[in-house]
């Protein structure tokens, strides 16, 4: 994953309302975030898989950050 793609992905996560990040189950959250990234840039199949796998590996961090923003 390129640094630009990582920055864009984390920008989406940071600008998403915390309640959205916390209320969706894992698969729905990953799908929703991938869709948001795809709305900003074109992703081929391999890039989509890469982003999805990355998100699954970071779900705990994403949810922890969302909970922290609510506090």
C-alpha atoms as a PDB file:
ATOM      1  CA  UNK A   1       0.000   0.000   0.000  1.00  0.00           C
ATOM      2  CA  UNK A   2       1.361   3.376  -0.955  1.00  0.00           C
ATOM      3  CA  UNK A   3       1.869   6.130   1.625  1.00  0.00           C
ATOM      4  CA  UNK A   4      -0.702   8.244  -0.224  1.00  0.00           C
ATOM      5  CA  UNK A   5      -3.278   5.475   0.013  1.00  0.00           C
ATOM      6  CA  UNK A   6      -2.561   5.029   3.728  1.00  0.00           C
ATOM      7  CA  UNK A   7      -2.952   8.758   4.380  1.00  0.00           C
ATOM      8  CA  UNK A   8      -6.208   8.811   2.452  1.00  0.00           C
ATOM      9  CA  UNK A   9      -7.540   5.780   4.296  1.00  0.00           C
ATOM     10  CA  UNK A  10      -6.715   7.231   7.726  1.00  0.00           C
ATOM     11  CA  UNK A  11      -8.176  10.553   6.700  1.00  0.00           C
ATOM     12  CA  UNK A  12     -11.463   8.782   5.970  1.00  0.00           C
ATOM     13  CA  UNK A  13     -11.309   7.027   9.342  1.00  0.00           C
ATOM     14  CA  UNK A  14     -10.537  10.267  11.200  1.00  0.00           C
ATOM     15  CA  UNK A  15     -13.362  12.201   9.540  1.00  0.00           C
ATOM     16  CA  UNK A  16     -15.955   9.459  10.038  1.00  0.00           C
ATOM     17  CA  UNK A  17     -18.250   9.964  12.995  1.00  0.00           C
ATOM     18  CA  UNK A  18     -17.279   7.776  15.925  1.00  0.00           C
ATOM     19  CA  UNK A  19     -20.746   6.303  16.280  1.00  0.00           C
ATOM     20  CA  UNK A  20     -20.520   4.914  12.725  1.00  0.00           C
ATOM     21  CA  UNK A  21     -17.166   3.293  13.477  1.00  0.00           C
ATOM     22  CA  UNK A  22     -18.509   1.755  16.668  1.00  0.00           C
ATOM     23  CA  UNK A  23     -21.966   0.558  15.656  1.00  0.00           C
ATOM     24  CA  UNK A  24     -21.086  -1.461  12.544  1.00  0.00           C
ATOM     25  CA  UNK A  25     -19.931  -5.067  12.808  1.00  0.00           C
ATOM     26  CA  UNK A  26     -16.460  -5.875  11.496  1.00  0.00           C
ATOM     27  CA  UNK A  27     -17.411  -6.886   7.948  1.00  0.00           C
ATOM     28  CA  UNK A  28     -19.837  -3.981   7.526  1.00  0.00           C
ATOM     29  CA  UNK A  29     -17.289  -1.493   8.827  1.00  0.00           C
ATOM     30  CA  UNK A  30     -14.572  -2.718   6.469  1.00  0.00           C
ATOM     31  CA  UNK A  31     -17.001  -2.677   3.531  1.00  0.00           C
ATOM     32  CA  UNK A  32     -18.192   0.818   4.431  1.00  0.00           C
ATOM     33  CA  UNK A  33     -14.658   2.197   4.744  1.00  0.00           C
ATOM     34  CA  UNK A  34     -13.571   0.590   1.464  1.00  0.00           C
ATOM     35  CA  UNK A  35     -16.601   2.155  -0.219  1.00  0.00           C
ATOM     36  CA  UNK A  36     -15.633   5.575   1.174  1.00  0.00           C
ATOM     37  CA  UNK A  37     -12.091   5.241  -0.145  1.00  0.00           C
ATOM     38  CA  UNK A  38     -13.393   4.075  -3.526  1.00  0.00           C
ATOM     39  CA  UNK A  39     -15.552   7.203  -3.717  1.00  0.00           C
ATOM     40  CA  UNK A  40     -12.362   9.282  -3.537  1.00  0.00           C
ATOM     41  CA  UNK A  41     -10.081   7.183  -5.735  1.00  0.00           C
ATOM     42  CA  UNK A  42     -10.259   4.269  -8.103  1.00  0.00           C
ATOM     43  CA  UNK A  43      -9.113   0.961  -6.627  1.00  0.00           C
ATOM     44  CA  UNK A  44      -8.425  -2.159  -8.632  1.00  0.00           C
ATOM     45  CA  UNK A  45      -9.248  -5.604  -7.245  1.00  0.00           C
ATOM     46  CA  UNK A  46      -5.796  -6.122  -5.703  1.00  0.00           C
ATOM     47  CA  UNK A  47      -5.832  -2.704  -4.043  1.00  0.00           C
ATOM     48  CA  UNK A  48      -9.321  -3.353  -2.692  1.00  0.00           C
ATOM     49  CA  UNK A  49      -8.144  -6.633  -1.159  1.00  0.00           C
ATOM     50  CA  UNK A  50      -5.074  -4.913   0.263  1.00  0.00           C
ATOM     51  CA  UNK A  51      -7.141  -2.152   1.864  1.00  0.00           C
ATOM     52  CA  UNK A  52      -9.668  -4.661   3.235  1.00  0.00           C
ATOM     53  CA  UNK A  53      -6.973  -6.848   4.767  1.00  0.00           C
ATOM     54  CA  UNK A  54      -5.249  -3.812   6.260  1.00  0.00           C
ATOM     55  CA  UNK A  55      -8.512  -2.608   7.780  1.00  0.00           C
ATOM     56  CA  UNK A  56      -9.284  -6.013   9.288  1.00  0.00           C
ATOM     57  CA  UNK A  57      -5.843  -6.000  10.911  1.00  0.00           C
ATOM     58  CA  UNK A  58      -6.488  -2.520  12.380  1.00  0.00           C
ATOM     59  CA  UNK A  59     -10.109  -2.830  13.543  1.00  0.00           C
ATOM     60  CA  UNK A  60      -9.218  -2.782  17.236  1.00  0.00           C
ATOM     61  CA  UNK A  61      -7.161   0.375  16.759  1.00  0.00           C
ATOM     62  CA  UNK A  62      -9.912   2.023  14.704  1.00  0.00           C
ATOM     63  CA  UNK A  63     -12.518   1.268  17.371  1.00  0.00           C
ATOM     64  CA  UNK A  64     -10.197   2.360  20.211  1.00  0.00           C
ATOM     65  CA  UNK A  65      -9.614   5.700  18.488  1.00  0.00           C
ATOM     66  CA  UNK A  66     -13.346   6.134  17.913  1.00  0.00           C
ATOM     67  CA  UNK A  67     -14.091   5.420  21.589  1.00  0.00           C
ATOM     68  CA  UNK A  68     -11.391   7.873  22.624  1.00  0.00           C
ATOM     69  CA  UNK A  69     -12.982  10.614  20.518  1.00  0.00           C
ATOM     70  CA  UNK A  70     -16.298  10.049  22.278  1.00  0.00           C
ATOM     71  CA  UNK A  71     -14.746  10.419  25.722  1.00  0.00           C
END
